[in-house]
Every structure is written in structure tokens, then in C-alpha cells.
Protein backbone atom coordinates (compact mmCIF):
# COMPACT_ATOMS: atom_id res chain seq x y z
CA MET A 1 8.88 -30.49 -11.66
CA ARG A 2 6.97 -28.75 -14.48
CA VAL A 3 6.49 -24.56 -14.38
CA PRO A 4 2.91 -23.90 -14.97
CA ASP A 5 2.20 -21.69 -18.85
CA ILE A 6 1.73 -18.23 -18.19
CA ASP A 7 -1.74 -17.94 -20.64
CA ALA A 8 -4.32 -15.17 -20.58
CA THR A 9 -5.71 -16.41 -17.30
CA ALA A 10 -1.99 -16.56 -15.33
CA ILE A 11 -1.97 -13.10 -16.25
CA GLU A 12 -4.90 -11.44 -15.25
CA THR A 13 -4.34 -13.39 -11.88
CA LEU A 14 -1.20 -12.26 -11.11
CA ILE A 15 -1.60 -8.63 -12.23
CA SER A 16 -5.26 -8.41 -10.73
CA ALA A 17 -3.80 -9.48 -7.55
CA ALA A 18 -0.27 -6.60 -7.79
CA VAL A 19 -3.06 -3.89 -8.55
CA ALA A 20 -4.79 -4.52 -5.30
CA ALA A 21 -2.14 -3.35 -3.66
CA PRO A 22 -2.45 0.07 -1.55
CA SER A 23 -0.51 2.70 -2.64
CA ILE A 24 -0.75 6.79 -1.69
CA HIS A 25 -3.89 7.93 -2.72
CA ASN A 26 -4.84 5.05 -4.54
CA SER A 27 -2.23 6.65 -7.31
CA GLN A 28 -1.14 2.45 -8.31
CA PRO A 29 2.16 4.52 -9.59
CA TRP A 30 2.79 1.03 -10.97
CA ARG A 31 3.28 -0.53 -15.15
CA PHE A 32 4.17 -4.15 -15.87
CA ARG A 33 5.75 -5.62 -18.37
CA LEU A 34 5.83 -9.52 -19.15
CA ASP A 35 9.21 -10.91 -20.38
CA PRO A 36 7.55 -14.58 -21.69
CA ASP A 37 11.20 -15.65 -22.49
CA THR A 38 12.69 -15.66 -19.18
CA PRO A 39 9.46 -15.86 -17.88
CA ALA A 40 9.32 -12.64 -15.39
CA VAL A 41 6.99 -9.77 -14.85
CA GLU A 42 8.88 -6.50 -14.80
CA VAL A 43 7.23 -3.93 -12.39
CA CYS A 44 7.65 -0.42 -13.40
CA ALA A 45 7.31 3.23 -11.77
CA ALA A 46 4.53 5.45 -13.81
CA ARG A 47 6.09 8.78 -12.81
CA ARG A 48 2.86 10.33 -14.45
CA ARG A 49 0.78 9.23 -11.37
CA SER A 50 3.52 10.23 -8.23
CA LEU A 51 2.79 13.40 -6.22
CA PRO A 52 5.40 15.79 -6.39
CA LEU A 53 4.21 17.66 -3.19
CA ALA A 54 3.50 14.85 -0.65
CA ASP A 55 6.09 12.71 -2.23
CA PRO A 56 9.13 14.55 -3.68
CA VAL A 57 11.41 12.09 -3.65
CA ARG A 58 9.39 8.95 -4.48
CA ARG A 59 9.71 7.25 -1.09
CA ALA A 60 5.66 6.39 -0.99
CA LEU A 61 6.10 5.30 -4.43
CA HIS A 62 8.26 3.02 -4.07
CA LEU A 63 6.72 2.12 -0.84
CA SER A 64 3.43 1.30 -3.40
CA VAL A 65 5.52 -0.61 -5.89
CA GLY A 66 6.92 -3.33 -2.97
CA ALA A 67 3.49 -3.76 -1.88
CA ALA A 68 2.36 -4.73 -5.50
CA VAL A 69 5.92 -6.89 -5.76
CA PHE A 70 4.84 -9.11 -2.45
CA ASN A 71 1.03 -9.49 -4.27
CA LEU A 72 2.85 -10.92 -7.33
CA ARG A 73 4.92 -13.19 -5.40
CA VAL A 74 1.82 -14.77 -3.43
CA ALA A 75 0.02 -15.06 -6.71
CA ALA A 76 2.69 -16.54 -8.15
CA ALA A 77 3.05 -19.05 -5.14
CA HIS A 78 -0.11 -19.68 -5.45
CA LEU A 79 -0.25 -20.00 -9.33
CA GLY A 80 2.42 -22.80 -8.58
CA TRP A 81 5.76 -20.80 -9.06
CA GLU A 82 8.25 -20.05 -7.24
CA PRO A 83 9.17 -16.20 -7.76
CA ASP A 84 13.06 -15.10 -7.70
CA VAL A 85 12.71 -11.18 -7.12
CA ARG A 86 15.25 -8.76 -7.90
CA LEU A 87 15.16 -5.36 -6.64
CA LEU A 88 16.56 -2.39 -8.16
CA PRO A 89 17.74 -5.28 -10.69
CA GLU A 90 20.68 -2.87 -13.27
CA GLY A 91 19.87 -1.80 -16.68
CA ASP A 92 18.91 0.79 -19.32
CA ASP A 93 15.50 1.51 -17.72
CA PRO A 94 15.37 3.92 -14.69
CA ASP A 95 11.46 3.15 -13.91
CA LEU A 96 12.62 -0.60 -13.51
CA LEU A 97 12.18 -1.16 -9.80
CA ALA A 98 11.90 -4.85 -9.46
CA THR A 99 11.60 -7.94 -11.37
CA VAL A 100 9.84 -11.31 -10.41
CA ARG A 101 11.06 -13.95 -12.68
CA LEU A 102 8.58 -17.25 -12.23
CA THR A 103 10.32 -20.57 -11.42
CA ALA A 104 9.65 -24.32 -10.75
CA PRO A 105 8.97 -24.20 -7.04
CA ARG A 106 11.22 -24.96 -4.13
CA ASP A 107 9.67 -24.67 -0.58
CA ASP A 108 6.43 -23.18 0.18
CA ARG A 109 7.24 -19.90 2.06
CA LEU A 110 4.91 -17.83 0.35
CA ALA A 111 2.26 -21.00 -0.60
CA HIS A 112 -0.89 -19.58 1.79
CA PRO A 113 -3.70 -19.44 1.10
CA ALA A 114 -4.48 -17.36 3.62
CA LEU A 115 -2.56 -14.58 2.02
CA TYR A 116 -4.00 -14.86 -0.63
CA ASP A 117 -7.47 -15.27 -0.35
CA ALA A 118 -6.75 -11.89 1.89
CA ILE A 119 -5.65 -10.24 -1.43
CA ALA A 120 -9.07 -9.51 -2.81
CA ARG A 121 -10.45 -8.44 0.69
CA ARG A 122 -7.79 -6.14 2.47
CA HIS A 123 -8.55 -2.54 2.05
CA THR A 124 -8.16 0.76 3.61
CA SER A 125 -11.19 1.24 6.72
CA ARG A 126 -11.50 4.82 7.48
CA LEU A 127 -14.10 4.37 9.69
CA PRO A 128 -14.01 4.10 13.34
CA PHE A 129 -13.22 1.14 15.39
CA THR A 130 -14.86 -0.65 17.86
CA GLY A 131 -11.53 0.06 20.62
CA ARG A 132 -11.16 -4.11 21.40
CA PRO A 133 -7.53 -4.44 21.83
CA VAL A 134 -5.82 -6.80 18.98
CA PRO A 135 -4.91 -9.73 20.42
CA GLU A 136 -0.78 -9.86 21.67
CA SER A 137 -0.74 -13.23 19.25
CA VAL A 138 -1.65 -11.24 16.48
CA VAL A 139 -0.13 -8.50 17.28
CA ALA A 140 3.34 -10.84 17.41
CA GLU A 141 2.49 -12.08 13.92
CA MET A 142 2.15 -8.86 12.42
CA ALA A 143 5.52 -8.23 13.89
CA SER A 144 7.15 -11.25 12.59
CA ALA A 145 5.77 -10.63 8.90
CA VAL A 146 7.41 -7.25 8.88
CA ARG A 147 10.64 -8.50 10.44
CA VAL A 148 11.05 -11.75 7.54
CA GLU A 149 10.61 -9.07 5.05
CA GLY A 150 13.39 -6.98 6.09
CA ALA A 151 11.89 -4.18 8.14
CA GLN A 152 11.07 -3.43 12.14
CA VAL A 153 8.37 -2.31 13.00
CA HIS A 154 7.49 -0.55 17.07
CA PHE A 155 3.84 -0.54 18.41
CA PRO A 156 4.00 2.39 20.37
CA GLY A 157 2.16 2.43 24.37
CA ILE A 158 -0.39 4.99 25.29
CA VAL A 159 1.92 7.82 25.61
CA GLU A 160 3.79 7.44 22.51
CA THR A 161 0.39 6.85 20.60
CA LYS A 162 -0.77 9.96 21.98
CA ALA A 163 2.60 11.85 20.49
CA LEU A 164 2.35 9.94 17.11
CA LEU A 165 -1.31 11.19 16.56
CA GLY A 166 0.37 14.72 17.40
CA LEU A 167 2.62 14.75 14.59
CA THR A 168 -0.27 13.12 12.53
CA ALA A 169 -2.91 15.84 13.57
CA GLU A 170 -0.10 18.96 12.42
CA ALA A 171 0.70 17.28 9.46
CA GLU A 172 -3.31 17.59 8.12
CA ARG A 173 -3.35 21.18 9.54
CA ARG A 174 -0.66 22.00 7.29
CA ASN A 175 -1.70 20.21 4.49
CA HIS A 176 -5.13 22.00 4.79
CA ALA A 177 -3.20 25.25 5.00
CA ASP A 178 -1.09 24.38 1.95
CA ARG A 179 -3.18 25.33 -0.90
CA TRP A 180 -1.12 23.78 -3.67
CA ARG A 181 -1.07 20.74 -1.23
CA VAL A 182 -4.97 20.66 -1.17
CA ALA A 183 -5.35 20.96 -4.83
CA GLU A 184 -2.89 17.64 -5.84
CA SER A 185 -4.52 16.19 -2.89
CA ARG A 186 -7.86 16.91 -4.60
CA ALA A 187 -7.38 16.07 -7.62
CA TRP A 188 -7.62 12.23 -6.77
CA VAL A 189 -10.86 12.61 -5.49
CA VAL A 190 -13.13 10.99 -7.72
CA PRO A 191 -16.95 11.12 -8.35
CA ALA A 192 -17.94 6.82 -7.35
CA GLY A 193 -17.55 4.66 -10.22
CA ALA A 194 -15.33 7.39 -12.41
CA GLY A 195 -12.51 5.40 -13.18
CA PRO A 196 -9.70 2.87 -11.79
CA TYR A 197 -7.54 5.64 -10.09
CA GLY A 198 -8.06 7.95 -7.32
CA VAL A 199 -10.25 7.89 -3.72
CA PRO A 200 -13.91 7.70 -4.55
CA VAL A 201 -15.99 9.97 -2.78
CA THR A 202 -17.72 7.50 -1.24
CA ALA A 203 -14.57 5.94 0.35
CA LEU A 204 -13.38 9.50 2.30
CA GLY A 205 -14.60 8.27 5.52
CA PRO A 206 -16.09 10.45 8.10
CA ARG A 207 -14.18 13.19 11.11
CA ASP A 208 -13.74 12.59 14.28
CA THR A 209 -16.02 14.09 17.05
CA ALA A 210 -14.24 14.04 19.02
CA ARG A 211 -10.89 15.85 17.05
CA ARG A 212 -8.71 12.83 18.47
CA MET A 213 -8.41 10.67 15.59
CA PRO A 214 -6.17 12.93 12.46
CA MET A 215 -7.62 10.82 9.65
CA ARG A 216 -6.88 11.99 6.37
CA ASP A 217 -9.26 14.86 4.42
CA PHE A 218 -8.10 14.55 0.93
CA THR A 219 -10.39 17.60 0.05
CA GLY A 220 -8.91 19.80 2.72
CA THR A 221 -12.35 21.94 2.65
CA ALA A 222 -16.19 21.73 4.11
CA ASP A 223 -18.32 21.95 1.37
CA THR A 224 -17.35 18.48 -0.09
CA PRO A 225 -20.44 15.95 0.50
CA ARG A 226 -19.23 13.46 3.28
CA THR A 227 -20.42 11.05 5.42
CA PRO A 228 -21.73 12.75 9.00
CA ALA A 229 -18.78 13.08 11.55
CA LEU A 230 -18.74 10.08 13.98
CA ARG A 231 -17.05 9.22 17.55
CA PHE A 232 -14.14 7.43 16.67
CA GLU A 233 -11.67 4.63 19.06
CA ARG A 234 -10.64 6.11 22.74
CA HIS A 235 -7.16 4.51 22.62
CA ALA A 236 -5.68 3.95 19.06
CA GLN A 237 -3.14 0.60 18.01
CA LEU A 238 -0.41 1.68 16.07
CA ALA A 239 2.16 0.31 14.62
CA LEU A 240 5.27 2.55 12.69
CA LEU A 241 7.70 0.60 10.19
CA TRP A 242 10.92 1.19 9.93
CA THR A 243 14.38 0.72 8.26
CA ARG A 244 17.81 0.83 9.43
CA ASP A 245 18.98 2.93 6.58
CA ASP A 246 16.93 5.14 3.76
CA ARG A 247 17.06 3.75 0.38
CA PRO A 248 15.31 2.87 -2.56
CA LEU A 249 16.11 -0.42 -1.72
CA ASP A 250 14.72 -0.34 1.59
CA TRP A 251 11.47 1.42 0.66
CA LEU A 252 10.92 -1.46 -1.53
CA ARG A 253 11.37 -3.82 0.92
CA THR A 254 9.23 -1.98 3.05
CA GLY A 255 5.92 -2.21 0.80
CA GLN A 256 6.43 -5.66 0.52
CA ALA A 257 6.70 -5.70 4.49
CA LEU A 258 3.71 -3.69 5.15
CA GLU A 259 1.61 -5.36 2.25
CA ARG A 260 2.41 -8.96 4.29
CA MET A 261 1.53 -7.47 7.59
CA LEU A 262 -1.37 -6.11 6.16
CA LEU A 263 -2.88 -9.59 4.59
CA LEU A 264 -1.82 -10.87 7.74
CA ALA A 265 -4.21 -8.93 9.66
CA THR A 266 -7.15 -8.85 7.21
CA ALA A 267 -6.63 -12.71 7.40
CA ARG A 268 -7.44 -12.62 10.66
CA GLY A 269 -9.79 -10.28 11.06
CA VAL A 270 -8.65 -7.10 11.49
CA ARG A 271 -8.73 -3.76 9.97
CA THR A 272 -5.97 -1.48 8.87
CA SER A 273 -5.86 2.33 7.52
CA ALA A 274 -2.64 4.70 7.01
CA LEU A 275 -1.91 7.43 8.85
CA HIS A 276 0.83 8.57 6.27
CA GLN A 277 0.75 12.57 6.84
CA ALA A 278 3.54 12.96 9.00
CA LEU A 279 6.28 11.03 6.83
CA GLU A 280 5.18 13.63 3.90
CA TRP A 281 7.13 16.56 5.94
CA PRO A 282 10.77 16.30 6.70
CA ASP A 283 10.70 17.94 9.79
CA LEU A 284 8.05 16.12 11.23
CA ARG A 285 9.91 13.35 9.66
CA GLU A 286 12.52 14.29 11.78
CA GLU A 287 10.50 13.49 14.97
CA LEU A 288 9.58 10.24 14.21
CA MET A 289 13.10 9.24 13.90
CA ARG A 290 13.21 10.38 17.99
CA ARG A 291 11.17 6.60 17.96
CA SER A 292 12.65 4.71 15.40
CA ARG A 293 16.23 5.51 13.24
CA HIS A 294 14.06 5.55 9.72
CA PRO A 295 10.57 5.78 9.60
CA GLN A 296 8.86 4.98 7.01
CA PHE A 297 4.69 4.15 7.55
CA LEU A 298 1.95 4.59 10.57
CA VAL A 299 -0.80 1.73 10.11
CA ARG A 300 -3.50 2.23 12.38
CA PHE A 301 -5.39 -1.01 13.27
CA GLY A 302 -8.02 -2.42 14.98
CA TYR A 303 -11.86 -4.26 14.86
CA GLY A 304 -14.48 -2.71 13.25
CA PRO A 305 -16.71 -2.23 9.99
CA GLU A 306 -15.10 -2.86 6.57
CA GLY A 307 -14.80 1.02 4.68
CA GLY A 308 -15.48 2.11 1.43
CA ARG A 309 -14.08 0.26 -1.02
CA THR A 310 -11.36 1.87 -3.84
CA PRO A 311 -11.25 0.79 -7.44
CA ARG A 312 -8.43 -1.00 -9.66
CA ALA A 313 -7.00 -1.25 -13.05
CA GLY A 314 -6.74 -4.76 -14.28
CA ALA A 315 -4.39 -6.49 -16.82
CA GLY A 316 -4.97 -6.06 -20.73
CA ARG A 317 -1.81 -6.47 -23.49
CA ARG A 318 0.30 -4.56 -25.86
CA SER A 319 3.54 -4.16 -27.33
CA GLY A 320 4.12 -1.30 -28.74
CA SER A 321 5.36 0.82 -25.78
CA ALA A 322 7.54 -2.40 -24.35
CA PRO A 323 10.96 -3.18 -24.86
CA LYS A 324 11.67 -5.49 -27.41
CA GLY A 325 10.96 -9.02 -25.99
CA ARG A 326 8.42 -7.84 -23.79
CA GLU A 327 4.70 -7.26 -23.89
CA GLU A 328 3.21 -4.13 -21.82
CA LEU A 329 0.22 -4.98 -19.84
CA ARG A 330 -1.97 -2.04 -20.28
CA ASP A 331 -4.76 -0.69 -17.26
CA GLN A 332 -8.28 -2.03 -17.94
CA PRO A 333 -10.95 -0.80 -15.17
CA ARG A 334 -12.02 -3.18 -12.63
CA ARG A 335 -14.60 -3.66 -10.29
CA THR A 336 -13.48 -2.13 -6.72
CA ARG A 337 -11.01 -3.61 -4.46
CA GLY A 338 -9.59 -1.33 -1.76
């Protein structure tokens, strides 16, 4: 079977899909290089867009890159390639986290139009959900999506959900009390239309009038213009992703598992948002370990409005900073995605 050519349109499709992945504070901590001889897309860490306080060991960075790798896989399959992924390939570049080699298709494991179409529609909703339970059949599909990528997922009951929300609320309290963390978080809050990185003020979302749902407050203060407080759902539905080990390889796999679950949820009309705060404090993460071996990500999901979108950077090309034979795909502003 003929392998499709890598032309400018294909590159735009691949990178646009990759950068639509979720990332902590919409930092988009990735860089892409094209090796036209293999052919392959190399995915590297962008350390300058890491968060030293919230993510000192770059665990969240690896999760974000893993999610971008999964979107690359889906887009490659959509274009007619079989994506052959190598995580943490050996080489001289410590920032090289994955390669996605584009080969002739062997099967249709990822050629699911619903997943590809969901890439453009998936984004975080920081708004209240309706409280209508997501059917067990959809929850089971979400669990399957996580496990097929090598991670695990736990859906807590009512009592345990309350405990998880309590840990998240404690993390939020600490974040507000730590002026350095407040400064780091506020640095990623940007005016609407200011650029492709960070969280626009228009996408911050409201606070919960009942103070049950500890949504992240990126500003740490009350003087930033915000949406009026609203009442959130009384009973949250949560998914806790975890792994048996806690290495960079596990983080990258979890990022792929997370994005596969989020895309599937989007395809089924389910909204999602991150409750990652407790995972950013070592002692609180240890508390989460009582419920899973190595917790990696906490997701809130349900039915409700879309919520505000966040911008993304798209694909341009340059060759000056890339290793010999490779082409750096630089960032260019794109319309908001989410």
C-alpha cells in the first residue's frame, strides 16, 4: 500500500492535532521536528514552558506531551499512515521524548473518525455540570480507553469522591497562600487574544457558590474580572488515572491514555475538566496513593455547557535549530481550540 506524502497540508493537519492536546496551564510544553527521511515526527520537551513550582519533576509536562503524541497518532491514522511510536528513544537529545514514525497502514486500530473529529471539539469546561449521571456504558468505554494505553483508572463512589474533592480543596488553599505559586499561576493568565499560550481571562470560569467544587483559581486573588459565581453540581463524577510505576515512561503513557479517554468522552457528548491541584503537592499526592498506586491525573466529567476555549499555536517551519536532516516545526498562533 502506498504511503501518503508528507506535504505542507499533512504537516499542518498533524501538528494542529498535536497542539490541540490538553496541557497544564495551557503551557503547551512541546516542540516538533520533522525527519523527512524516516519519515517521522519527533516530539521534544519545551523546558522554557515548564512550571518549576507546580511541576518540579516535569511529570505534568510528560503527561501533556503524551497527550500530544496520542493526537499525532490519531491524525496520522486519519491521513492514511500507521503511526509507529517510540517513547524515550535513545539519542543525544535529552529533550526528545517520543518519535512517531509514519509507515504504511497495517490495520485500523486508530482510524476512528469519531476520535479524530473530537480533537477539534475537545476542551476543558470550567462551568457547572447538570448533575445528570453519565451512563455506565459510557463510563466503561472511558475505562477501556485508559487501559488500552497501559494506564489504570478508578471511578470513586460518593464518599471517596468527597474525600478527593477535600484534598483538591486543600491544595487550592495552599496555592492561594503561597505567593510564589500564585505568581507562577498568574503569569499564565492572559488577556483574550493576547497569544497562543496561557489561559485567557475569558476561559477562567466561575467559582462555586456552595464551595463544594474546588475549581482551580489561576489568579489567587479576588480583583481579577471573573464570571459571577454559580452553583455547581452536587454530586461530581470523577476519574482518577494511575499507574503501577512512576517513571517518565509511565507519565507519557498516562498522557496518551488521558487523551484517548477525553476524546472518547467528547465523542459521547461528555464534558471534562482537570482537578490536578492535589497532585502538585507531594504529601497530598501520597494521600491519593491510598486509593491507587501512583496517581497521575484527576478528571471531573459530566454533562453541561462547553465552557471557554483556549488558544493554540500551529505549525510553521524552520531548519536553523534542528539537528542535521531534521526540520523544526515552529509555533504560529492559531484560532482558539480548547
